[in-house]
Amino acid sequence: MNKKLKLWELDRVSEAEFKQQQKNPIVVILDDIRSLNNIGSFFRTADAFNIEKIYLCGITACPPHKDIHKTALGATETIEWEHRTDILSLCEELKKEGFSICSIEQTEETVFLQNIHELKAEKFALVFGNEVNGVNQEVVNYSDTVIEIPQFGTKHSLNVSVCAGIVLWEFCKKYI
């Protein structure tokens, strides 16, 4: 029999230990995310994959908010975050710090997610866009790479927080 583990059996680190441990060299940029539940999901996923920081840009709401907290389950306390009004100046700043800017989008020229092992950068800033309009075209134009998740159904669309889970796992595999 394969027994499910209880929460206290998971050997989780404390919030203090989490804040001190070395992070994966990944930051997430949320570009005009309107759903508070999606924002909370990003925080929870960022905690699970031990990323450096989340940048909340444009209309993306900031903690504390009960609807963000509902899906973040406390991850707003463990993940470093910052709000920025100008996403392009943020991207410029991150590039100067050695981050490769990667928009998660569908464009004419993309790198499929399964091929990210070919990317030579060590640090990544992953840009996720608005639930309806995606990543702003100016940000796509500024990006070093556009990453696309291959899809085989009729919608060719994923919820942005589901997309984050898929993409962050693939990127974190580069560091384990």
N, C-alpha and C. Protein backbone atom coordinates (compact mmCIF):
# COMPACT_ATOMS: atom_id res chain seq x y z
N MET A 1 0.84 -1.17 0.00
CA MET A 1 0.00 0.00 0.00
C MET A 1 0.89 1.25 0.00
N ASN A 2 0.47 2.28 -0.71
CA ASN A 2 1.20 3.53 -0.81
C ASN A 2 0.43 4.60 -0.04
N LYS A 3 0.81 4.84 1.22
CA LYS A 3 0.08 5.74 2.12
C LYS A 3 0.30 7.21 1.77
N LYS A 4 -0.80 7.96 1.68
CA LYS A 4 -0.69 9.40 1.51
C LYS A 4 -0.05 10.03 2.74
N LEU A 5 0.77 11.05 2.51
CA LEU A 5 1.41 11.74 3.62
C LEU A 5 0.50 12.83 4.17
N LYS A 6 0.54 13.03 5.46
CA LYS A 6 -0.16 14.12 6.12
C LYS A 6 0.70 15.38 6.01
N LEU A 7 0.11 16.54 6.20
CA LEU A 7 0.85 17.80 6.09
C LEU A 7 2.09 17.82 6.98
N TRP A 8 1.98 17.31 8.20
CA TRP A 8 3.10 17.34 9.13
C TRP A 8 4.20 16.34 8.77
N GLU A 9 3.93 15.45 7.80
CA GLU A 9 4.91 14.46 7.38
C GLU A 9 5.70 14.92 6.13
N LEU A 10 5.42 16.09 5.63
CA LEU A 10 6.02 16.54 4.38
C LEU A 10 7.41 17.17 4.54
N ASP A 11 7.88 17.32 5.76
CA ASP A 11 9.21 17.87 5.99
C ASP A 11 9.37 19.23 5.34
N ARG A 12 8.36 20.08 5.52
CA ARG A 12 8.39 21.42 4.94
C ARG A 12 9.32 22.33 5.73
N VAL A 13 9.96 23.26 5.05
CA VAL A 13 10.79 24.25 5.73
C VAL A 13 9.88 25.31 6.33
N SER A 14 10.38 25.99 7.35
CA SER A 14 9.62 27.09 7.95
C SER A 14 9.70 28.31 7.02
N GLU A 15 8.85 29.30 7.29
CA GLU A 15 8.88 30.53 6.49
C GLU A 15 10.26 31.18 6.60
N ALA A 16 10.82 31.21 7.78
CA ALA A 16 12.14 31.82 7.98
C ALA A 16 13.21 31.07 7.19
N GLU A 17 13.17 29.74 7.24
CA GLU A 17 14.14 28.93 6.48
C GLU A 17 13.97 29.14 4.98
N PHE A 18 12.72 29.22 4.53
CA PHE A 18 12.44 29.43 3.11
C PHE A 18 13.04 30.75 2.64
N LYS A 19 12.84 31.80 3.43
CA LYS A 19 13.35 33.12 3.04
C LYS A 19 14.87 33.13 2.97
N GLN A 20 15.54 32.28 3.74
CA GLN A 20 17.00 32.24 3.77
C GLN A 20 17.61 31.33 2.71
N GLN A 21 16.85 30.36 2.22
CA GLN A 21 17.46 29.40 1.29
C GLN A 21 17.72 30.03 -0.08
N GLN A 22 18.72 29.49 -0.76
CA GLN A 22 19.06 29.97 -2.09
C GLN A 22 17.89 29.71 -3.03
N LYS A 23 17.55 30.71 -3.84
CA LYS A 23 16.40 30.61 -4.75
C LYS A 23 16.86 30.22 -6.15
N ASN A 24 15.92 29.68 -6.90
CA ASN A 24 16.17 29.48 -8.33
C ASN A 24 16.22 30.85 -8.98
N PRO A 25 17.16 31.06 -9.91
CA PRO A 25 17.35 32.40 -10.49
C PRO A 25 16.27 32.75 -11.52
N ILE A 26 15.04 32.82 -11.02
CA ILE A 26 13.87 33.11 -11.85
C ILE A 26 13.05 34.17 -11.15
N VAL A 27 12.63 35.19 -11.92
CA VAL A 27 11.63 36.13 -11.43
C VAL A 27 10.42 36.04 -12.35
N VAL A 28 9.28 36.32 -11.80
CA VAL A 28 8.03 36.31 -12.56
C VAL A 28 7.53 37.74 -12.64
N ILE A 29 7.13 38.13 -13.84
CA ILE A 29 6.54 39.46 -14.07
C ILE A 29 5.10 39.24 -14.49
N LEU A 30 4.16 39.81 -13.74
CA LEU A 30 2.75 39.72 -14.09
C LEU A 30 2.34 41.02 -14.77
N ASP A 31 1.94 40.91 -16.02
CA ASP A 31 1.62 42.05 -16.87
C ASP A 31 0.10 42.23 -16.95
N ASP A 32 -0.44 43.12 -16.11
CA ASP A 32 -1.88 43.44 -16.12
C ASP A 32 -2.78 42.23 -15.87
N ILE A 33 -2.44 41.41 -14.88
CA ILE A 33 -3.30 40.29 -14.49
C ILE A 33 -4.47 40.86 -13.71
N ARG A 34 -5.68 40.55 -14.12
CA ARG A 34 -6.85 41.17 -13.49
C ARG A 34 -7.50 40.30 -12.42
N SER A 35 -7.33 38.99 -12.48
CA SER A 35 -7.99 38.10 -11.52
C SER A 35 -7.16 37.98 -10.24
N LEU A 36 -7.79 38.32 -9.13
CA LEU A 36 -7.12 38.20 -7.83
C LEU A 36 -6.80 36.75 -7.51
N ASN A 37 -7.66 35.84 -7.93
CA ASN A 37 -7.39 34.42 -7.70
C ASN A 37 -6.17 33.96 -8.50
N ASN A 38 -6.03 34.43 -9.72
CA ASN A 38 -4.84 34.10 -10.51
C ASN A 38 -3.58 34.63 -9.84
N ILE A 39 -3.65 35.84 -9.34
CA ILE A 39 -2.49 36.44 -8.66
C ILE A 39 -2.09 35.58 -7.47
N GLY A 40 -3.06 35.19 -6.67
CA GLY A 40 -2.78 34.33 -5.53
C GLY A 40 -2.17 33.00 -5.95
N SER A 41 -2.67 32.44 -7.04
CA SER A 41 -2.12 31.18 -7.55
C SER A 41 -0.67 31.35 -7.98
N PHE A 42 -0.32 32.48 -8.56
CA PHE A 42 1.07 32.74 -8.93
C PHE A 42 1.96 32.71 -7.68
N PHE A 43 1.51 33.34 -6.61
CA PHE A 43 2.31 33.35 -5.38
C PHE A 43 2.52 31.93 -4.86
N ARG A 44 1.47 31.16 -4.85
CA ARG A 44 1.57 29.78 -4.33
C ARG A 44 2.51 28.94 -5.20
N THR A 45 2.41 29.09 -6.52
CA THR A 45 3.27 28.35 -7.43
C THR A 45 4.72 28.82 -7.31
N ALA A 46 4.92 30.13 -7.15
CA ALA A 46 6.27 30.67 -6.98
C ALA A 46 6.91 30.11 -5.71
N ASP A 47 6.14 29.97 -4.66
CA ASP A 47 6.65 29.37 -3.43
C ASP A 47 7.03 27.91 -3.67
N ALA A 48 6.17 27.17 -4.35
CA ALA A 48 6.43 25.75 -4.61
C ALA A 48 7.72 25.55 -5.39
N PHE A 49 8.02 26.46 -6.31
CA PHE A 49 9.20 26.31 -7.16
C PHE A 49 10.38 27.19 -6.73
N ASN A 50 10.26 27.82 -5.55
CA ASN A 50 11.39 28.51 -4.93
C ASN A 50 12.00 29.59 -5.83
N ILE A 51 11.14 30.43 -6.39
CA ILE A 51 11.66 31.49 -7.26
C ILE A 51 12.05 32.73 -6.44
N GLU A 52 12.84 33.60 -7.07
CA GLU A 52 13.36 34.78 -6.38
C GLU A 52 12.30 35.80 -6.01
N LYS A 53 11.46 36.17 -6.98
CA LYS A 53 10.61 37.34 -6.76
C LYS A 53 9.49 37.38 -7.78
N ILE A 54 8.39 38.03 -7.41
CA ILE A 54 7.30 38.34 -8.33
C ILE A 54 7.20 39.86 -8.45
N TYR A 55 7.11 40.33 -9.69
CA TYR A 55 6.85 41.74 -9.96
C TYR A 55 5.41 41.86 -10.45
N LEU A 56 4.66 42.72 -9.80
CA LEU A 56 3.26 42.97 -10.14
C LEU A 56 3.21 44.29 -10.91
N CYS A 57 2.82 44.22 -12.18
CA CYS A 57 2.88 45.41 -13.04
C CYS A 57 1.50 45.83 -13.50
N GLY A 58 1.39 47.15 -13.78
CA GLY A 58 0.14 47.69 -14.33
C GLY A 58 -1.02 47.54 -13.37
N ILE A 59 -2.12 46.96 -13.88
CA ILE A 59 -3.33 46.83 -13.06
C ILE A 59 -3.30 45.63 -12.12
N THR A 60 -2.23 44.85 -12.14
CA THR A 60 -2.14 43.68 -11.26
C THR A 60 -2.22 44.14 -9.81
N ALA A 61 -3.18 43.59 -9.07
CA ALA A 61 -3.38 43.97 -7.67
C ALA A 61 -2.27 43.44 -6.78
N CYS A 62 -2.11 44.10 -5.64
CA CYS A 62 -1.08 43.73 -4.68
C CYS A 62 -1.70 43.18 -3.40
N PRO A 63 -0.97 42.29 -2.73
CA PRO A 63 -1.39 41.88 -1.40
C PRO A 63 -1.29 43.09 -0.45
N PRO A 64 -1.97 43.09 0.65
CA PRO A 64 -2.90 42.06 1.10
C PRO A 64 -4.29 42.27 0.49
N HIS A 65 -4.90 41.20 0.12
CA HIS A 65 -6.29 41.20 -0.35
C HIS A 65 -6.85 39.81 -0.09
N LYS A 66 -8.08 39.76 0.39
CA LYS A 66 -8.64 38.47 0.80
C LYS A 66 -8.72 37.48 -0.36
N ASP A 67 -9.00 37.93 -1.58
CA ASP A 67 -9.10 37.01 -2.71
C ASP A 67 -7.74 36.52 -3.18
N ILE A 68 -6.72 37.34 -3.03
CA ILE A 68 -5.35 36.88 -3.33
C ILE A 68 -4.95 35.86 -2.26
N HIS A 69 -5.22 36.19 -1.01
CA HIS A 69 -4.86 35.31 0.10
C HIS A 69 -5.54 33.94 -0.01
N LYS A 70 -6.78 33.94 -0.50
CA LYS A 70 -7.55 32.70 -0.59
C LYS A 70 -6.82 31.64 -1.42
N THR A 71 -6.19 32.04 -2.51
CA THR A 71 -5.48 31.07 -3.35
C THR A 71 -3.99 31.00 -3.04
N ALA A 72 -3.43 32.06 -2.47
CA ALA A 72 -1.99 32.06 -2.15
C ALA A 72 -1.68 31.22 -0.92
N LEU A 73 -2.64 31.06 -0.04
CA LEU A 73 -2.47 30.26 1.19
C LEU A 73 -1.21 30.64 1.97
N GLY A 74 -0.96 31.94 2.11
CA GLY A 74 0.18 32.41 2.89
C GLY A 74 1.44 32.67 2.11
N ALA A 75 1.47 32.33 0.83
CA ALA A 75 2.69 32.50 0.03
C ALA A 75 3.03 33.97 -0.19
N THR A 76 2.09 34.88 0.04
CA THR A 76 2.42 36.31 -0.06
C THR A 76 3.36 36.73 1.06
N GLU A 77 3.48 35.88 2.09
CA GLU A 77 4.40 36.14 3.19
C GLU A 77 5.77 35.54 2.94
N THR A 78 5.88 34.59 2.01
CA THR A 78 7.17 33.92 1.78
C THR A 78 7.85 34.39 0.50
N ILE A 79 7.09 34.78 -0.48
CA ILE A 79 7.66 35.21 -1.76
C ILE A 79 7.87 36.72 -1.75
N GLU A 80 9.08 37.11 -2.10
CA GLU A 80 9.37 38.54 -2.22
C GLU A 80 8.61 39.08 -3.42
N TRP A 81 8.02 40.27 -3.28
CA TRP A 81 7.28 40.85 -4.39
C TRP A 81 7.41 42.36 -4.36
N GLU A 82 7.11 42.95 -5.51
CA GLU A 82 7.19 44.40 -5.66
C GLU A 82 6.23 44.82 -6.77
N HIS A 83 5.61 45.98 -6.59
CA HIS A 83 4.75 46.52 -7.66
C HIS A 83 5.55 47.54 -8.46
N ARG A 84 5.40 47.48 -9.77
CA ARG A 84 6.02 48.43 -10.69
C ARG A 84 4.96 48.94 -11.65
N THR A 85 4.96 50.23 -11.91
CA THR A 85 3.99 50.79 -12.86
C THR A 85 4.46 50.64 -14.29
N ASP A 86 5.77 50.70 -14.52
CA ASP A 86 6.30 50.67 -15.89
C ASP A 86 7.04 49.36 -16.14
N ILE A 87 6.38 48.46 -16.84
CA ILE A 87 6.96 47.13 -17.09
C ILE A 87 8.19 47.19 -17.99
N LEU A 88 8.21 48.11 -18.96
CA LEU A 88 9.37 48.18 -19.85
C LEU A 88 10.63 48.64 -19.13
N SER A 89 10.50 49.60 -18.22
CA SER A 89 11.69 50.02 -17.46
C SER A 89 12.14 48.90 -16.52
N LEU A 90 11.20 48.12 -15.99
CA LEU A 90 11.55 46.96 -15.17
C LEU A 90 12.33 45.95 -16.01
N CYS A 91 11.84 45.65 -17.21
CA CYS A 91 12.53 44.69 -18.08
C CYS A 91 13.94 45.17 -18.42
N GLU A 92 14.06 46.46 -18.67
CA GLU A 92 15.37 47.05 -18.97
C GLU A 92 16.32 46.88 -17.77
N GLU A 93 15.81 47.14 -16.58
CA GLU A 93 16.59 47.00 -15.36
C GLU A 93 17.02 45.54 -15.15
N LEU A 94 16.09 44.62 -15.35
CA LEU A 94 16.41 43.20 -15.16
C LEU A 94 17.43 42.71 -16.19
N LYS A 95 17.33 43.20 -17.43
CA LYS A 95 18.32 42.83 -18.44
C LYS A 95 19.72 43.27 -18.01
N LYS A 96 19.81 44.47 -17.44
CA LYS A 96 21.11 44.97 -16.96
C LYS A 96 21.65 44.11 -15.83
N GLU A 97 20.76 43.45 -15.09
CA GLU A 97 21.16 42.57 -13.99
C GLU A 97 21.45 41.15 -14.49
N GLY A 98 21.38 40.95 -15.82
CA GLY A 98 21.74 39.66 -16.39
C GLY A 98 20.59 38.70 -16.61
N PHE A 99 19.36 39.15 -16.42
CA PHE A 99 18.20 38.30 -16.68
C PHE A 99 17.86 38.28 -18.16
N SER A 100 17.50 37.13 -18.66
CA SER A 100 16.96 36.99 -20.00
C SER A 100 15.45 37.17 -19.89
N ILE A 101 14.90 38.09 -20.66
CA ILE A 101 13.46 38.38 -20.61
C ILE A 101 12.75 37.41 -21.55
N CYS A 102 11.84 36.63 -20.98
CA CYS A 102 11.10 35.62 -21.75
C CYS A 102 9.61 35.86 -21.59
N SER A 103 8.96 36.26 -22.67
CA SER A 103 7.50 36.39 -22.65
C SER A 103 6.89 35.03 -22.92
N ILE A 104 5.85 34.72 -22.18
CA ILE A 104 5.12 33.47 -22.39
C ILE A 104 3.92 33.85 -23.24
N GLU A 105 4.01 33.51 -24.53
CA GLU A 105 3.03 34.02 -25.49
C GLU A 105 3.08 33.17 -26.76
N GLN A 106 2.11 33.38 -27.62
CA GLN A 106 2.08 32.74 -28.93
C GLN A 106 2.34 33.82 -29.98
N THR A 107 3.46 33.69 -30.68
CA THR A 107 3.83 34.67 -31.71
C THR A 107 4.31 33.92 -32.95
N GLU A 108 4.70 34.68 -33.96
CA GLU A 108 5.18 34.07 -35.20
C GLU A 108 6.46 33.26 -35.00
N GLU A 109 7.33 33.73 -34.09
CA GLU A 109 8.59 33.04 -33.83
C GLU A 109 8.69 32.76 -32.33
N THR A 110 8.62 31.49 -31.96
CA THR A 110 8.69 31.12 -30.56
C THR A 110 9.68 29.99 -30.34
N VAL A 111 10.03 29.81 -29.08
CA VAL A 111 10.76 28.62 -28.65
C VAL A 111 9.73 27.79 -27.91
N PHE A 112 9.52 26.56 -28.35
CA PHE A 112 8.58 25.71 -27.64
C PHE A 112 9.16 25.34 -26.28
N LEU A 113 8.30 25.24 -25.32
CA LEU A 113 8.70 25.02 -23.93
C LEU A 113 9.64 23.83 -23.76
N GLN A 114 9.41 22.77 -24.50
CA GLN A 114 10.26 21.58 -24.35
C GLN A 114 11.69 21.83 -24.84
N ASN A 115 11.94 22.97 -25.49
CA ASN A 115 13.28 23.29 -26.01
C ASN A 115 14.02 24.35 -25.20
N ILE A 116 13.52 24.70 -24.04
CA ILE A 116 14.18 25.77 -23.28
C ILE A 116 15.57 25.37 -22.78
N HIS A 117 15.87 24.09 -22.77
CA HIS A 117 17.22 23.66 -22.38
C HIS A 117 18.27 24.26 -23.32
N GLU A 118 17.85 24.69 -24.51
CA GLU A 118 18.76 25.30 -25.48
C GLU A 118 19.09 26.75 -25.14
N LEU A 119 18.31 27.37 -24.25
CA LEU A 119 18.56 28.77 -23.87
C LEU A 119 19.83 28.83 -23.03
N LYS A 120 20.71 29.75 -23.35
CA LYS A 120 22.03 29.80 -22.71
C LYS A 120 22.08 30.66 -21.45
N ALA A 121 21.07 31.45 -21.20
CA ALA A 121 21.08 32.34 -20.03
C ALA A 121 21.05 31.53 -18.75
N GLU A 122 21.49 32.14 -17.66
CA GLU A 122 21.47 31.52 -16.34
C GLU A 122 20.30 32.02 -15.50
N LYS A 123 19.85 33.26 -15.77
CA LYS A 123 18.78 33.89 -14.99
C LYS A 123 17.65 34.29 -15.94
N PHE A 124 16.42 34.05 -15.49
CA PHE A 124 15.28 34.29 -16.37
C PHE A 124 14.22 35.14 -15.70
N ALA A 125 13.69 36.10 -16.45
CA ALA A 125 12.52 36.88 -16.06
C ALA A 125 11.39 36.43 -16.98
N LEU A 126 10.39 35.77 -16.40
CA LEU A 126 9.29 35.20 -17.17
C LEU A 126 8.08 36.12 -17.08
N VAL A 127 7.62 36.59 -18.25
CA VAL A 127 6.51 37.54 -18.31
C VAL A 127 5.24 36.81 -18.68
N PHE A 128 4.23 36.93 -17.82
CA PHE A 128 2.91 36.36 -18.06
C PHE A 128 1.92 37.51 -18.24
N GLY A 129 1.05 37.40 -19.25
CA GLY A 129 0.19 38.52 -19.60
C GLY A 129 -1.25 38.40 -19.16
N ASN A 130 -1.95 39.47 -19.45
CA ASN A 130 -3.36 39.62 -19.16
C ASN A 130 -4.18 38.44 -19.68
N GLU A 131 -5.20 38.07 -18.92
CA GLU A 131 -6.01 36.89 -19.22
C GLU A 131 -6.69 36.96 -20.59
N VAL A 132 -6.98 38.15 -21.10
CA VAL A 132 -7.64 38.29 -22.40
C VAL A 132 -6.65 38.68 -23.49
N ASN A 133 -5.82 39.67 -23.21
CA ASN A 133 -4.95 40.25 -24.24
C ASN A 133 -3.53 39.71 -24.26
N GLY A 134 -3.17 38.90 -23.29
CA GLY A 134 -1.82 38.35 -23.25
C GLY A 134 -0.77 39.38 -22.87
N VAL A 135 0.47 39.10 -23.24
CA VAL A 135 1.58 40.00 -22.95
C VAL A 135 1.53 41.16 -23.92
N ASN A 136 1.71 42.36 -23.39
CA ASN A 136 1.72 43.58 -24.20
C ASN A 136 2.74 43.45 -25.34
N GLN A 137 2.35 43.87 -26.54
CA GLN A 137 3.21 43.75 -27.72
C GLN A 137 4.56 44.43 -27.54
N GLU A 138 4.59 45.57 -26.86
CA GLU A 138 5.88 46.25 -26.63
C GLU A 138 6.82 45.38 -25.79
N VAL A 139 6.25 44.66 -24.83
CA VAL A 139 7.06 43.76 -24.00
C VAL A 139 7.52 42.57 -24.82
N VAL A 140 6.64 42.03 -25.66
CA VAL A 140 7.03 40.93 -26.57
C VAL A 140 8.19 41.38 -27.44
N ASN A 141 8.10 42.59 -28.00
CA ASN A 141 9.16 43.12 -28.86
C ASN A 141 10.48 43.26 -28.11
N TYR A 142 10.42 43.59 -26.82
CA TYR A 142 11.62 43.80 -26.00
C TYR A 142 12.22 42.48 -25.50
N SER A 143 11.46 41.42 -25.55
CA SER A 143 11.88 40.14 -24.98
C SER A 143 13.05 39.53 -25.74
N ASP A 144 13.89 38.81 -25.02
CA ASP A 144 14.97 38.06 -25.64
C ASP A 144 14.42 36.81 -26.32
N THR A 145 13.38 36.23 -25.71
CA THR A 145 12.79 34.99 -26.21
C THR A 145 11.30 35.01 -25.94
N VAL A 146 10.55 34.40 -26.83
CA VAL A 146 9.13 34.15 -26.58
C VAL A 146 8.97 32.65 -26.46
N ILE A 147 8.40 32.23 -25.34
CA ILE A 147 8.22 30.81 -25.04
C ILE A 147 6.75 30.46 -25.28
N GLU A 148 6.53 29.35 -25.95
CA GLU A 148 5.17 28.88 -26.21
C GLU A 148 4.99 27.47 -25.69
N ILE A 149 3.87 27.23 -25.03
CA ILE A 149 3.51 25.88 -24.61
C ILE A 149 2.77 25.22 -25.76
N PRO A 150 3.28 24.14 -26.32
CA PRO A 150 2.56 23.46 -27.40
C PRO A 150 1.18 23.00 -26.89
N GLN A 151 0.18 23.18 -27.72
CA GLN A 151 -1.18 22.77 -27.36
C GLN A 151 -1.80 22.04 -28.55
N PHE A 152 -2.64 21.08 -28.26
CA PHE A 152 -3.12 20.19 -29.30
C PHE A 152 -4.65 20.14 -29.41
N GLY A 153 -5.34 20.95 -28.64
CA GLY A 153 -6.79 20.97 -28.68
C GLY A 153 -7.32 22.07 -29.58
N THR A 154 -8.56 22.44 -29.37
CA THR A 154 -9.21 23.45 -30.21
C THR A 154 -9.06 24.86 -29.65
N LYS A 155 -8.75 25.01 -28.38
CA LYS A 155 -8.74 26.34 -27.74
C LYS A 155 -7.42 27.09 -27.89
N HIS A 156 -6.32 26.38 -27.86
CA HIS A 156 -4.99 27.01 -27.88
C HIS A 156 -4.90 28.14 -26.87
N SER A 157 -5.40 27.85 -25.67
CA SER A 157 -5.43 28.83 -24.60
C SER A 157 -5.47 28.09 -23.28
N LEU A 158 -4.66 28.55 -22.33
CA LEU A 158 -4.66 28.02 -20.97
C LEU A 158 -4.90 29.16 -20.00
N ASN A 159 -5.49 28.85 -18.85
CA ASN A 159 -5.57 29.85 -17.79
C ASN A 159 -4.15 30.26 -17.45
N VAL A 160 -3.94 31.54 -17.22
CA VAL A 160 -2.59 32.06 -17.02
C VAL A 160 -1.91 31.44 -15.80
N SER A 161 -2.65 31.13 -14.75
CA SER A 161 -2.00 30.53 -13.59
C SER A 161 -1.67 29.05 -13.84
N VAL A 162 -2.45 28.37 -14.66
CA VAL A 162 -2.11 27.00 -15.07
C VAL A 162 -0.84 27.05 -15.92
N CYS A 163 -0.79 28.00 -16.82
CA CYS A 163 0.38 28.21 -17.66
C CYS A 163 1.63 28.41 -16.79
N ALA A 164 1.48 29.18 -15.73
CA ALA A 164 2.62 29.44 -14.83
C ALA A 164 3.15 28.16 -14.22
N GLY A 165 2.27 27.28 -13.79
CA GLY A 165 2.71 26.02 -13.19
C GLY A 165 3.52 25.19 -14.16
N ILE A 166 3.03 25.12 -15.38
CA ILE A 166 3.71 24.32 -16.42
C ILE A 166 5.09 24.92 -16.73
N VAL A 167 5.11 26.24 -16.96
CA VAL A 167 6.35 26.91 -17.37
C VAL A 167 7.37 26.92 -16.23
N LEU A 168 6.93 27.24 -15.03
CA LEU A 168 7.88 27.29 -13.92
C LEU A 168 8.50 25.92 -13.63
N TRP A 169 7.71 24.87 -13.73
CA TRP A 169 8.29 23.54 -13.53
C TRP A 169 9.36 23.26 -14.57
N GLU A 170 9.08 23.56 -15.82
CA GLU A 170 10.06 23.30 -16.90
C GLU A 170 11.34 24.08 -16.65
N PHE A 171 11.21 25.36 -16.26
CA PHE A 171 12.41 26.16 -16.01
C PHE A 171 13.16 25.68 -14.78
N CYS A 172 12.44 25.29 -13.73
CA CYS A 172 13.11 24.82 -12.50
C CYS A 172 13.87 23.54 -12.74
N LYS A 173 13.46 22.74 -13.68
CA LYS A 173 14.18 21.50 -14.00
C LYS A 173 15.62 21.81 -14.45
N LYS A 174 15.87 23.02 -14.93
CA LYS A 174 17.21 23.41 -15.33
C LYS A 174 18.16 23.48 -14.12
N TYR A 175 17.60 23.62 -12.92
CA TYR A 175 18.42 23.87 -11.72
C TYR A 175 18.45 22.70 -10.75
N ILE A 176 17.78 21.59 -11.09
CA ILE A 176 17.80 20.45 -10.16
C ILE A 176 18.64 19.31 -10.71
